[in-house]
């Protein structure tokens, strides 16, 4: 009830109510982030 979706091809969010809390990666560097993996067979013009 606080965000709405935008985009019919990829997911993005728009906050409608309240404010945003940020998680700070103040623990071990690799464990504090979403890890996004780019696969070799999907990379173009890289």
ModelCIF file with pLDDT and N, C-alpha, C, O atoms, coordinates in Angstrom:
data_MODEL
#
_entry.id   MODEL 
#
_entity.id                         1 
_entity.type                       polymer 
_entity.pdbx_number_of_molecules   1 
#
_entity_poly.entity_id                      1 
_entity_poly.type                           'polypeptide(L)' 
_entity_poly.nstd_linkage                   no 
_entity_poly.nstd_monomer                   no 
_entity_poly.pdbx_seq_one_letter_code       
;(UNK)(UNK)(UNK)(UNK)(UNK)(UNK)(UNK)(UNK)(UNK)(UNK)(UNK)(UNK)(UNK)(UNK)(UNK)(UNK)
(UNK)(UNK)(UNK)(UNK)(UNK)(UNK)(UNK)(UNK)(UNK)(UNK)(UNK)(UNK)(UNK)(UNK)(UNK)(UNK)
(UNK)(UNK)(UNK)(UNK)(UNK)(UNK)(UNK)(UNK)(UNK)(UNK)(UNK)(UNK)(UNK)(UNK)
;
_entity_poly.pdbx_seq_one_letter_code_can   XXXXXXXXXXXXXXXXXXXXXXXXXXXXXXXXXXXXXXXXXXXXXX 
_entity_poly.pdbx_strand_id                 A 
#
loop_
_entity_poly_seq.entity_id 
_entity_poly_seq.num 
_entity_poly_seq.mon_id 
_entity_poly_seq.hetero 
1 1  UNK n 
1 2  UNK n 
1 3  UNK n 
1 4  UNK n 
1 5  UNK n 
1 6  UNK n 
1 7  UNK n 
1 8  UNK n 
1 9  UNK n 
1 10 UNK n 
1 11 UNK n 
1 12 UNK n 
1 13 UNK n 
1 14 UNK n 
1 15 UNK n 
1 16 UNK n 
1 17 UNK n 
1 18 UNK n 
1 19 UNK n 
1 20 UNK n 
1 21 UNK n 
1 22 UNK n 
1 23 UNK n 
1 24 UNK n 
1 25 UNK n 
1 26 UNK n 
1 27 UNK n 
1 28 UNK n 
1 29 UNK n 
1 30 UNK n 
1 31 UNK n 
1 32 UNK n 
1 33 UNK n 
1 34 UNK n 
1 35 UNK n 
1 36 UNK n 
1 37 UNK n 
1 38 UNK n 
1 39 UNK n 
1 40 UNK n 
1 41 UNK n 
1 42 UNK n 
1 43 UNK n 
1 44 UNK n 
1 45 UNK n 
1 46 UNK n 
#
_struct_asym.id          A 
_struct_asym.entity_id   1 
#
loop_
_ma_qa_metric.id 
_ma_qa_metric.mode 
_ma_qa_metric.name 
_ma_qa_metric.software_group_id 
_ma_qa_metric.type 
1 global pLDDT . pLDDT 
2 local  pLDDT . pLDDT 
#
_ma_qa_metric_global.metric_id      1 
_ma_qa_metric_global.metric_value   70.13 
_ma_qa_metric_global.model_id       1 
_ma_qa_metric_global.ordinal_id     1 
#
loop_
_ma_qa_metric_local.label_asym_id 
_ma_qa_metric_local.label_comp_id 
_ma_qa_metric_local.label_seq_id 
_ma_qa_metric_local.metric_id 
_ma_qa_metric_local.metric_value 
_ma_qa_metric_local.model_id 
_ma_qa_metric_local.ordinal_id 
A UNK 1  2 93.00 1 1  
A UNK 2  2 96.00 1 2  
A UNK 3  2 96.00 1 3  
A UNK 4  2 95.00 1 4  
A UNK 5  2 94.00 1 5  
A UNK 6  2 89.00 1 6  
A UNK 7  2 82.00 1 7  
A UNK 8  2 75.00 1 8  
A UNK 9  2 76.00 1 9  
A UNK 10 2 78.00 1 10 
A UNK 11 2 83.00 1 11 
A UNK 12 2 87.00 1 12 
A UNK 13 2 93.00 1 13 
A UNK 14 2 93.00 1 14 
A UNK 15 2 94.00 1 15 
A UNK 16 2 95.00 1 16 
A UNK 17 2 95.00 1 17 
A UNK 18 2 95.00 1 18 
A UNK 19 2 96.00 1 19 
A UNK 20 2 95.00 1 20 
A UNK 21 2 93.00 1 21 
A UNK 22 2 89.00 1 22 
A UNK 23 2 82.00 1 23 
A UNK 24 2 71.00 1 24 
A UNK 25 2 60.00 1 25 
A UNK 26 2 53.00 1 26 
A UNK 27 2 45.00 1 27 
A UNK 28 2 44.00 1 28 
A UNK 29 2 43.00 1 29 
A UNK 30 2 47.00 1 30 
A UNK 31 2 47.00 1 31 
A UNK 32 2 50.00 1 32 
A UNK 33 2 61.00 1 33 
A UNK 34 2 69.00 1 34 
A UNK 35 2 71.00 1 35 
A UNK 36 2 66.00 1 36 
A UNK 37 2 56.00 1 37 
A UNK 38 2 50.00 1 38 
A UNK 39 2 47.00 1 39 
A UNK 40 2 40.00 1 40 
A UNK 41 2 37.00 1 41 
A UNK 42 2 38.00 1 42 
A UNK 43 2 41.00 1 43 
A UNK 44 2 37.00 1 44 
A UNK 45 2 41.00 1 45 
A UNK 46 2 48.00 1 46 
#
loop_
_atom_site.group_PDB 
_atom_site.id 
_atom_site.type_symbol 
_atom_site.label_atom_id 
_atom_site.label_alt_id 
_atom_site.label_comp_id 
_atom_site.label_asym_id 
_atom_site.label_entity_id 
_atom_site.label_seq_id 
_atom_site.pdbx_PDB_ins_code 
_atom_site.Cartn_x 
_atom_site.Cartn_y 
_atom_site.Cartn_z 
_atom_site.occupancy 
_atom_site.B_iso_or_equiv 
_atom_site.pdbx_formal_charge 
_atom_site.auth_seq_id 
_atom_site.auth_comp_id 
_atom_site.auth_asym_id 
_atom_site.auth_atom_id 
_atom_site.pdbx_PDB_model_num 
ATOM 1   N N  . UNK A 1 1  ? 0.781  -1.219  0.000   1.00 93.00 ? 1  UNK A N  1 
ATOM 2   C CA . UNK A 1 1  ? 0.000  0.000   0.000   1.00 93.00 ? 1  UNK A CA 1 
ATOM 3   C C  . UNK A 1 1  ? 0.818  1.276   0.000   1.00 93.00 ? 1  UNK A C  1 
ATOM 4   O O  . UNK A 1 1  ? 0.255  2.369   0.050   1.00 93.00 ? 1  UNK A O  1 
ATOM 5   N N  . UNK A 1 2  ? 2.165  1.152   -0.057  1.00 96.00 ? 2  UNK A N  1 
ATOM 6   C CA . UNK A 1 2  ? 3.007  2.348   0.006   1.00 96.00 ? 2  UNK A CA 1 
ATOM 7   C C  . UNK A 1 2  ? 3.773  2.616   -1.287  1.00 96.00 ? 2  UNK A C  1 
ATOM 8   O O  . UNK A 1 2  ? 4.331  3.700   -1.453  1.00 96.00 ? 2  UNK A O  1 
ATOM 9   N N  . UNK A 1 3  ? 3.810  1.664   -2.192  1.00 96.00 ? 3  UNK A N  1 
ATOM 10  C CA . UNK A 1 3  ? 4.511  1.833   -3.472  1.00 96.00 ? 3  UNK A CA 1 
ATOM 11  C C  . UNK A 1 3  ? 3.618  1.395   -4.622  1.00 96.00 ? 3  UNK A C  1 
ATOM 12  O O  . UNK A 1 3  ? 2.698  0.596   -4.443  1.00 96.00 ? 3  UNK A O  1 
ATOM 13  N N  . UNK A 1 4  ? 3.899  1.923   -5.795  1.00 95.00 ? 4  UNK A N  1 
ATOM 14  C CA . UNK A 1 4  ? 3.226  1.478   -7.007  1.00 95.00 ? 4  UNK A CA 1 
ATOM 15  C C  . UNK A 1 4  ? 4.273  1.008   -8.003  1.00 95.00 ? 4  UNK A C  1 
ATOM 16  O O  . UNK A 1 4  ? 5.434  1.415   -7.947  1.00 95.00 ? 4  UNK A O  1 
ATOM 17  N N  . UNK A 1 5  ? 3.841  0.136   -8.925  1.00 94.00 ? 5  UNK A N  1 
ATOM 18  C CA . UNK A 1 5  ? 4.740  -0.381  -9.948  1.00 94.00 ? 5  UNK A CA 1 
ATOM 19  C C  . UNK A 1 5  ? 4.694  0.510   -11.185 1.00 94.00 ? 5  UNK A C  1 
ATOM 20  O O  . UNK A 1 5  ? 3.663  1.083   -11.535 1.00 94.00 ? 5  UNK A O  1 
ATOM 21  N N  . UNK A 1 6  ? 5.849  0.602   -11.827 1.00 89.00 ? 6  UNK A N  1 
ATOM 22  C CA . UNK A 1 6  ? 5.945  1.341   -13.080 1.00 89.00 ? 6  UNK A CA 1 
ATOM 23  C C  . UNK A 1 6  ? 6.645  0.454   -14.113 1.00 89.00 ? 6  UNK A C  1 
ATOM 24  O O  . UNK A 1 6  ? 7.536  -0.326  -13.775 1.00 89.00 ? 6  UNK A O  1 
ATOM 25  N N  . UNK A 1 7  ? 6.228  0.586   -15.374 1.00 82.00 ? 7  UNK A N  1 
ATOM 26  C CA . UNK A 1 7  ? 6.889  -0.142  -16.447 1.00 82.00 ? 7  UNK A CA 1 
ATOM 27  C C  . UNK A 1 7  ? 6.269  -1.499  -16.691 1.00 82.00 ? 7  UNK A C  1 
ATOM 28  O O  . UNK A 1 7  ? 6.099  -2.286  -15.760 1.00 82.00 ? 7  UNK A O  1 
ATOM 29  N N  . UNK A 1 8  ? 5.933  -1.776  -17.934 1.00 75.00 ? 8  UNK A N  1 
ATOM 30  C CA . UNK A 1 8  ? 5.322  -3.053  -18.286 1.00 75.00 ? 8  UNK A CA 1 
ATOM 31  C C  . UNK A 1 8  ? 6.316  -4.058  -18.837 1.00 75.00 ? 8  UNK A C  1 
ATOM 32  O O  . UNK A 1 8  ? 5.937  -5.168  -19.209 1.00 75.00 ? 8  UNK A O  1 
ATOM 33  N N  . UNK A 1 9  ? 7.597  -3.673  -18.893 1.00 76.00 ? 9  UNK A N  1 
ATOM 34  C CA . UNK A 1 9  ? 8.613  -4.587  -19.418 1.00 76.00 ? 9  UNK A CA 1 
ATOM 35  C C  . UNK A 1 9  ? 9.680  -4.921  -18.379 1.00 76.00 ? 9  UNK A C  1 
ATOM 36  O O  . UNK A 1 9  ? 10.256 -6.008  -18.420 1.00 76.00 ? 9  UNK A O  1 
ATOM 37  N N  . UNK A 1 10 ? 9.950  -4.015  -17.456 1.00 78.00 ? 10 UNK A N  1 
ATOM 38  C CA . UNK A 1 10 ? 10.838 -4.285  -16.334 1.00 78.00 ? 10 UNK A CA 1 
ATOM 39  C C  . UNK A 1 10 ? 10.230 -3.644  -15.093 1.00 78.00 ? 10 UNK A C  1 
ATOM 40  O O  . UNK A 1 10 ? 9.455  -2.692  -15.183 1.00 78.00 ? 10 UNK A O  1 
ATOM 41  N N  . UNK A 1 11 ? 10.599 -4.187  -13.926 1.00 83.00 ? 11 UNK A N  1 
ATOM 42  C CA . UNK A 1 11 ? 9.973  -3.734  -12.692 1.00 83.00 ? 11 UNK A CA 1 
ATOM 43  C C  . UNK A 1 11 ? 10.701 -2.525  -12.121 1.00 83.00 ? 11 UNK A C  1 
ATOM 44  O O  . UNK A 1 11 ? 11.912 -2.569  -11.907 1.00 83.00 ? 11 UNK A O  1 
ATOM 45  N N  . UNK A 1 12 ? 9.977  -1.468  -11.879 1.00 87.00 ? 12 UNK A N  1 
ATOM 46  C CA . UNK A 1 12 ? 10.493 -0.344  -11.109 1.00 87.00 ? 12 UNK A CA 1 
ATOM 47  C C  . UNK A 1 12 ? 9.408  0.097   -10.140 1.00 87.00 ? 12 UNK A C  1 
ATOM 48  O O  . UNK A 1 12 ? 8.219  -0.122  -10.371 1.00 87.00 ? 12 UNK A O  1 
ATOM 49  N N  . UNK A 1 13 ? 9.839  0.721   -9.052  1.00 93.00 ? 13 UNK A N  1 
ATOM 50  C CA . UNK A 1 13 ? 8.919  1.087   -7.981  1.00 93.00 ? 13 UNK A CA 1 
ATOM 51  C C  . UNK A 1 13 ? 8.899  2.593   -7.766  1.00 93.00 ? 13 UNK A C  1 
ATOM 52  O O  . UNK A 1 13 ? 9.910  3.274   -7.935  1.00 93.00 ? 13 UNK A O  1 
ATOM 53  N N  . UNK A 1 14 ? 7.734  3.097   -7.392  1.00 93.00 ? 14 UNK A N  1 
ATOM 54  C CA . UNK A 1 14 ? 7.579  4.504   -7.027  1.00 93.00 ? 14 UNK A CA 1 
ATOM 55  C C  . UNK A 1 14 ? 6.956  4.564   -5.643  1.00 93.00 ? 14 UNK A C  1 
ATOM 56  O O  . UNK A 1 14 ? 5.878  4.017   -5.408  1.00 93.00 ? 14 UNK A O  1 
ATOM 57  N N  . UNK A 1 15 ? 7.651  5.239   -4.727  1.00 94.00 ? 15 UNK A N  1 
ATOM 58  C CA . UNK A 1 15 ? 7.131  5.380   -3.368  1.00 94.00 ? 15 UNK A CA 1 
ATOM 59  C C  . UNK A 1 15 ? 5.968  6.361   -3.364  1.00 94.00 ? 15 UNK A C  1 
ATOM 60  O O  . UNK A 1 15 ? 6.088  7.481   -3.861  1.00 94.00 ? 15 UNK A O  1 
ATOM 61  N N  . UNK A 1 16 ? 4.842  5.938   -2.800  1.00 95.00 ? 16 UNK A N  1 
ATOM 62  C CA . UNK A 1 16 ? 3.642  6.778   -2.752  1.00 95.00 ? 16 UNK A CA 1 
ATOM 63  C C  . UNK A 1 16 ? 3.371  7.331   -1.348  1.00 95.00 ? 16 UNK A C  1 
ATOM 64  O O  . UNK A 1 16 ? 2.793  8.408   -1.201  1.00 95.00 ? 16 UNK A O  1 
ATOM 65  N N  . UNK A 1 17 ? 3.797  6.581   -0.314  1.00 95.00 ? 17 UNK A N  1 
ATOM 66  C CA . UNK A 1 17 ? 3.514  6.992   1.061   1.00 95.00 ? 17 UNK A CA 1 
ATOM 67  C C  . UNK A 1 17 ? 4.751  6.801   1.930   1.00 95.00 ? 17 UNK A C  1 
ATOM 68  O O  . UNK A 1 17 ? 5.392  5.751   1.886   1.00 95.00 ? 17 UNK A O  1 
ATOM 69  N N  . UNK A 1 18 ? 5.080  7.810   2.710   1.00 95.00 ? 18 UNK A N  1 
ATOM 70  C CA . UNK A 1 18 ? 6.160  7.684   3.671   1.00 95.00 ? 18 UNK A CA 1 
ATOM 71  C C  . UNK A 1 18 ? 7.534  7.970   3.081   1.00 95.00 ? 18 UNK A C  1 
ATOM 72  O O  . UNK A 1 18 ? 7.662  8.587   2.023   1.00 95.00 ? 18 UNK A O  1 
ATOM 73  N N  . UNK A 1 19 ? 8.555  7.506   3.791   1.00 96.00 ? 19 UNK A N  1 
ATOM 74  C CA . UNK A 1 19 ? 9.938  7.733   3.404   1.00 96.00 ? 19 UNK A CA 1 
ATOM 75  C C  . UNK A 1 19 ? 10.665 6.409   3.236   1.00 96.00 ? 19 UNK A C  1 
ATOM 76  O O  . UNK A 1 19 ? 10.112 5.342   3.502   1.00 96.00 ? 19 UNK A O  1 
ATOM 77  N N  . UNK A 1 20 ? 11.929 6.496   2.786   1.00 95.00 ? 20 UNK A N  1 
ATOM 78  C CA . UNK A 1 20 ? 12.714 5.310   2.483   1.00 95.00 ? 20 UNK A CA 1 
ATOM 79  C C  . UNK A 1 20 ? 13.827 5.131   3.514   1.00 95.00 ? 20 UNK A C  1 
ATOM 80  O O  . UNK A 1 20 ? 14.548 6.073   3.843   1.00 95.00 ? 20 UNK A O  1 
ATOM 81  N N  . UNK A 1 21 ? 13.950 3.912   4.013   1.00 93.00 ? 21 UNK A N  1 
ATOM 82  C CA . UNK A 1 21 ? 15.068 3.535   4.876   1.00 93.00 ? 21 UNK A CA 1 
ATOM 83  C C  . UNK A 1 21 ? 16.160 2.911   4.009   1.00 93.00 ? 21 UNK A C  1 
ATOM 84  O O  . UNK A 1 21 ? 15.862 2.101   3.131   1.00 93.00 ? 21 UNK A O  1 
ATOM 85  N N  . UNK A 1 22 ? 17.414 3.275   4.243   1.00 89.00 ? 22 UNK A N  1 
ATOM 86  C CA . UNK A 1 22 ? 18.535 2.714   3.488   1.00 89.00 ? 22 UNK A CA 1 
ATOM 87  C C  . UNK A 1 22 ? 19.325 1.754   4.356   1.00 89.00 ? 22 UNK A C  1 
ATOM 88  O O  . UNK A 1 22 ? 19.683 2.069   5.491   1.00 89.00 ? 22 UNK A O  1 
ATOM 89  N N  . UNK A 1 23 ? 19.590 0.582   3.808   1.00 82.00 ? 23 UNK A N  1 
ATOM 90  C CA . UNK A 1 23 ? 20.477 -0.369  4.479   1.00 82.00 ? 23 UNK A CA 1 
ATOM 91  C C  . UNK A 1 23 ? 21.899 -0.039  4.074   1.00 82.00 ? 23 UNK A C  1 
ATOM 92  O O  . UNK A 1 23 ? 22.221 -0.036  2.886   1.00 82.00 ? 23 UNK A O  1 
ATOM 93  N N  . UNK A 1 24 ? 22.746 0.237   5.036   1.00 71.00 ? 24 UNK A N  1 
ATOM 94  C CA . UNK A 1 24 ? 24.137 0.562   4.755   1.00 71.00 ? 24 UNK A CA 1 
ATOM 95  C C  . UNK A 1 24 ? 24.997 -0.685  4.913   1.00 71.00 ? 24 UNK A C  1 
ATOM 96  O O  . UNK A 1 24 ? 24.882 -1.396  5.912   1.00 71.00 ? 24 UNK A O  1 
ATOM 97  N N  . UNK A 1 25 ? 25.857 -0.956  3.937   1.00 60.00 ? 25 UNK A N  1 
ATOM 98  C CA . UNK A 1 25 ? 26.685 -2.173  3.988   1.00 60.00 ? 25 UNK A CA 1 
ATOM 99  C C  . UNK A 1 25 ? 27.868 -2.014  4.931   1.00 60.00 ? 25 UNK A C  1 
ATOM 100 O O  . UNK A 1 25 ? 29.019 -1.996  4.494   1.00 60.00 ? 25 UNK A O  1 
ATOM 101 N N  . UNK A 1 26 ? 27.584 -1.897  6.231   1.00 53.00 ? 26 UNK A N  1 
ATOM 102 C CA . UNK A 1 26 ? 28.646 -1.659  7.194   1.00 53.00 ? 26 UNK A CA 1 
ATOM 103 C C  . UNK A 1 26 ? 29.163 -2.956  7.803   1.00 53.00 ? 26 UNK A C  1 
ATOM 104 O O  . UNK A 1 26 ? 29.893 -2.951  8.795   1.00 53.00 ? 26 UNK A O  1 
ATOM 105 N N  . UNK A 1 27 ? 28.756 -4.099  7.168   1.00 45.00 ? 27 UNK A N  1 
ATOM 106 C CA . UNK A 1 27 ? 29.335 -5.370  7.547   1.00 45.00 ? 27 UNK A CA 1 
ATOM 107 C C  . UNK A 1 27 ? 30.230 -5.819  6.398   1.00 45.00 ? 27 UNK A C  1 
ATOM 108 O O  . UNK A 1 27 ? 30.528 -5.015  5.514   1.00 45.00 ? 27 UNK A O  1 
ATOM 109 N N  . UNK A 1 28 ? 30.666 -7.067  6.383   1.00 44.00 ? 28 UNK A N  1 
ATOM 110 C CA . UNK A 1 28 ? 31.601 -7.534  5.353   1.00 44.00 ? 28 UNK A CA 1 
ATOM 111 C C  . UNK A 1 28 ? 31.104 -7.155  3.969   1.00 44.00 ? 28 UNK A C  1 
ATOM 112 O O  . UNK A 1 28 ? 29.929 -7.338  3.651   1.00 44.00 ? 28 UNK A O  1 
ATOM 113 N N  . UNK A 1 29 ? 31.989 -6.634  3.162   1.00 43.00 ? 29 UNK A N  1 
ATOM 114 C CA . UNK A 1 29 ? 31.588 -5.949  1.926   1.00 43.00 ? 29 UNK A CA 1 
ATOM 115 C C  . UNK A 1 29 ? 30.728 -6.815  1.023   1.00 43.00 ? 29 UNK A C  1 
ATOM 116 O O  . UNK A 1 29 ? 29.743 -6.321  0.475   1.00 43.00 ? 29 UNK A O  1 
ATOM 117 N N  . UNK A 1 30 ? 31.060 -8.085  0.849   1.00 47.00 ? 30 UNK A N  1 
ATOM 118 C CA . UNK A 1 30 ? 30.309 -8.902  -0.102  1.00 47.00 ? 30 UNK A CA 1 
ATOM 119 C C  . UNK A 1 30 ? 28.946 -9.277  0.436   1.00 47.00 ? 30 UNK A C  1 
ATOM 120 O O  . UNK A 1 30 ? 28.038 -9.597  -0.330  1.00 47.00 ? 30 UNK A O  1 
ATOM 121 N N  . UNK A 1 31 ? 28.798 -9.241  1.747   1.00 47.00 ? 31 UNK A N  1 
ATOM 122 C CA . UNK A 1 31 ? 27.535 -9.664  2.342   1.00 47.00 ? 31 UNK A CA 1 
ATOM 123 C C  . UNK A 1 31 ? 26.537 -8.529  2.517   1.00 47.00 ? 31 UNK A C  1 
ATOM 124 O O  . UNK A 1 31 ? 25.410 -8.765  2.953   1.00 47.00 ? 31 UNK A O  1 
ATOM 125 N N  . UNK A 1 32 ? 26.926 -7.306  2.185   1.00 50.00 ? 32 UNK A N  1 
ATOM 126 C CA . UNK A 1 32 ? 26.050 -6.178  2.419   1.00 50.00 ? 32 UNK A CA 1 
ATOM 127 C C  . UNK A 1 32 ? 25.313 -5.682  1.201   1.00 50.00 ? 32 UNK A C  1 
ATOM 128 O O  . UNK A 1 32 ? 24.631 -4.659  1.264   1.00 50.00 ? 32 UNK A O  1 
ATOM 129 N N  . UNK A 1 33 ? 25.438 -6.388  0.092   1.00 61.00 ? 33 UNK A N  1 
ATOM 130 C CA . UNK A 1 33 ? 24.874 -5.923  -1.164  1.00 61.00 ? 33 UNK A CA 1 
ATOM 131 C C  . UNK A 1 33 ? 24.049 -7.017  -1.833  1.00 61.00 ? 33 UNK A C  1 
ATOM 132 O O  . UNK A 1 33 ? 24.276 -8.208  -1.617  1.00 61.00 ? 33 UNK A O  1 
ATOM 133 N N  . UNK A 1 34 ? 23.080 -6.588  -2.656  1.00 69.00 ? 34 UNK A N  1 
ATOM 134 C CA . UNK A 1 34 ? 22.540 -7.502  -3.652  1.00 69.00 ? 34 UNK A CA 1 
ATOM 135 C C  . UNK A 1 34 ? 23.662 -7.786  -4.643  1.00 69.00 ? 34 UNK A C  1 
ATOM 136 O O  . UNK A 1 34 ? 24.337 -6.860  -5.093  1.00 69.00 ? 34 UNK A O  1 
ATOM 137 N N  . UNK A 1 35 ? 23.866 -9.032  -4.982  1.00 71.00 ? 35 UNK A N  1 
ATOM 138 C CA . UNK A 1 35 ? 24.888 -9.391  -5.965  1.00 71.00 ? 35 UNK A CA 1 
ATOM 139 C C  . UNK A 1 35 ? 24.207 -9.706  -7.282  1.00 71.00 ? 35 UNK A C  1 
ATOM 140 O O  . UNK A 1 35 ? 23.465 -10.684 -7.384  1.00 71.00 ? 35 UNK A O  1 
ATOM 141 N N  . UNK A 1 36 ? 24.456 -8.880  -8.293  1.00 66.00 ? 36 UNK A N  1 
ATOM 142 C CA . UNK A 1 36 ? 23.849 -9.063  -9.604  1.00 66.00 ? 36 UNK A CA 1 
ATOM 143 C C  . UNK A 1 36 ? 24.879 -9.662  -10.544 1.00 66.00 ? 36 UNK A C  1 
ATOM 144 O O  . UNK A 1 36 ? 25.926 -9.062  -10.786 1.00 66.00 ? 36 UNK A O  1 
ATOM 145 N N  . UNK A 1 37 ? 24.589 -10.843 -11.075 1.00 56.00 ? 37 UNK A N  1 
ATOM 146 C CA . UNK A 1 37 ? 25.546 -11.553 -11.917 1.00 56.00 ? 37 UNK A CA 1 
ATOM 147 C C  . UNK A 1 37 ? 25.176 -11.407 -13.388 1.00 56.00 ? 37 UNK A C  1 
ATOM 148 O O  . UNK A 1 37 ? 24.060 -11.729 -13.796 1.00 56.00 ? 37 UNK A O  1 
ATOM 149 N N  . UNK A 1 38 ? 26.122 -10.922 -14.171 1.00 50.00 ? 38 UNK A N  1 
ATOM 150 C CA . UNK A 1 38 ? 25.933 -10.825 -15.615 1.00 50.00 ? 38 UNK A CA 1 
ATOM 151 C C  . UNK A 1 38 ? 26.480 -12.099 -16.233 1.00 50.00 ? 38 UNK A C  1 
ATOM 152 O O  . UNK A 1 38 ? 27.669 -12.393 -16.118 1.00 50.00 ? 38 UNK A O  1 
ATOM 153 N N  . UNK A 1 39 ? 25.612 -12.851 -16.886 1.00 47.00 ? 39 UNK A N  1 
ATOM 154 C CA . UNK A 1 39 ? 26.034 -14.110 -17.485 1.00 47.00 ? 39 UNK A CA 1 
ATOM 155 C C  . UNK A 1 39 ? 26.743 -13.862 -18.806 1.00 47.00 ? 39 UNK A C  1 
ATOM 156 O O  . UNK A 1 39 ? 26.359 -12.976 -19.570 1.00 47.00 ? 39 UNK A O  1 
ATOM 157 N N  . UNK A 1 40 ? 27.779 -14.648 -19.073 1.00 40.00 ? 40 UNK A N  1 
ATOM 158 C CA . UNK A 1 40 ? 28.603 -14.455 -20.261 1.00 40.00 ? 40 UNK A CA 1 
ATOM 159 C C  . UNK A 1 40 ? 27.802 -14.541 -21.547 1.00 40.00 ? 40 UNK A C  1 
ATOM 160 O O  . UNK A 1 40 ? 28.070 -13.794 -22.488 1.00 40.00 ? 40 UNK A O  1 
ATOM 161 N N  . UNK A 1 41 ? 26.816 -15.446 -21.608 1.00 37.00 ? 41 UNK A N  1 
ATOM 162 C CA . UNK A 1 41 ? 26.096 -15.645 -22.867 1.00 37.00 ? 41 UNK A CA 1 
ATOM 163 C C  . UNK A 1 41 ? 24.986 -14.630 -23.077 1.00 37.00 ? 41 UNK A C  1 
ATOM 164 O O  . UNK A 1 41 ? 24.297 -14.681 -24.095 1.00 37.00 ? 41 UNK A O  1 
ATOM 165 N N  . UNK A 1 42 ? 24.795 -13.706 -22.138 1.00 38.00 ? 42 UNK A N  1 
ATOM 166 C CA . UNK A 1 42 ? 23.771 -12.673 -22.329 1.00 38.00 ? 42 UNK A CA 1 
ATOM 167 C C  . UNK A 1 42 ? 24.371 -11.291 -22.535 1.00 38.00 ? 42 UNK A C  1 
ATOM 168 O O  . UNK A 1 42 ? 23.641 -10.321 -22.741 1.00 38.00 ? 42 UNK A O  1 
ATOM 169 N N  . UNK A 1 43 ? 25.699 -11.193 -22.480 1.00 41.00 ? 43 UNK A N  1 
ATOM 170 C CA . UNK A 1 43 ? 26.349 -9.897  -22.584 1.00 41.00 ? 43 UNK A CA 1 
ATOM 171 C C  . UNK A 1 43 ? 26.499 -9.488  -24.052 1.00 41.00 ? 43 UNK A C  1 
ATOM 172 O O  . UNK A 1 43 ? 26.984 -10.264 -24.876 1.00 41.00 ? 43 UNK A O  1 
ATOM 173 N N  . UNK A 1 44 ? 26.080 -8.273  -24.362 1.00 37.00 ? 44 UNK A N  1 
ATOM 174 C CA . UNK A 1 44 ? 26.230 -7.725  -25.702 1.00 37.00 ? 44 UNK A CA 1 
ATOM 175 C C  . UNK A 1 44 ? 26.848 -6.336  -25.590 1.00 37.00 ? 44 UNK A C  1 
ATOM 176 O O  . UNK A 1 44 ? 26.509 -5.568  -24.690 1.00 37.00 ? 44 UNK A O  1 
ATOM 177 N N  . UNK A 1 45 ? 27.747 -6.025  -26.500 1.00 41.00 ? 45 UNK A N  1 
ATOM 178 C CA . UNK A 1 45 ? 28.380 -4.700  -26.548 1.00 41.00 ? 45 UNK A CA 1 
ATOM 179 C C  . UNK A 1 45 ? 28.968 -4.317  -25.188 1.00 41.00 ? 45 UNK A C  1 
ATOM 180 O O  . UNK A 1 45 ? 28.744 -3.211  -24.697 1.00 41.00 ? 45 UNK A O  1 
ATOM 181 N N  . UNK A 1 46 ? 29.717 -5.237  -24.586 1.00 48.00 ? 46 UNK A N  1 
ATOM 182 C CA . UNK A 1 46 ? 30.188 -5.052  -23.224 1.00 48.00 ? 46 UNK A CA 1 
ATOM 183 C C  . UNK A 1 46 ? 31.624 -4.537  -23.166 1.00 48.00 ? 46 UNK A C  1 
ATOM 184 O O  . UNK A 1 46 ? 32.162 -4.331  -22.078 1.00 48.00 ? 46 UNK A O  1 
#
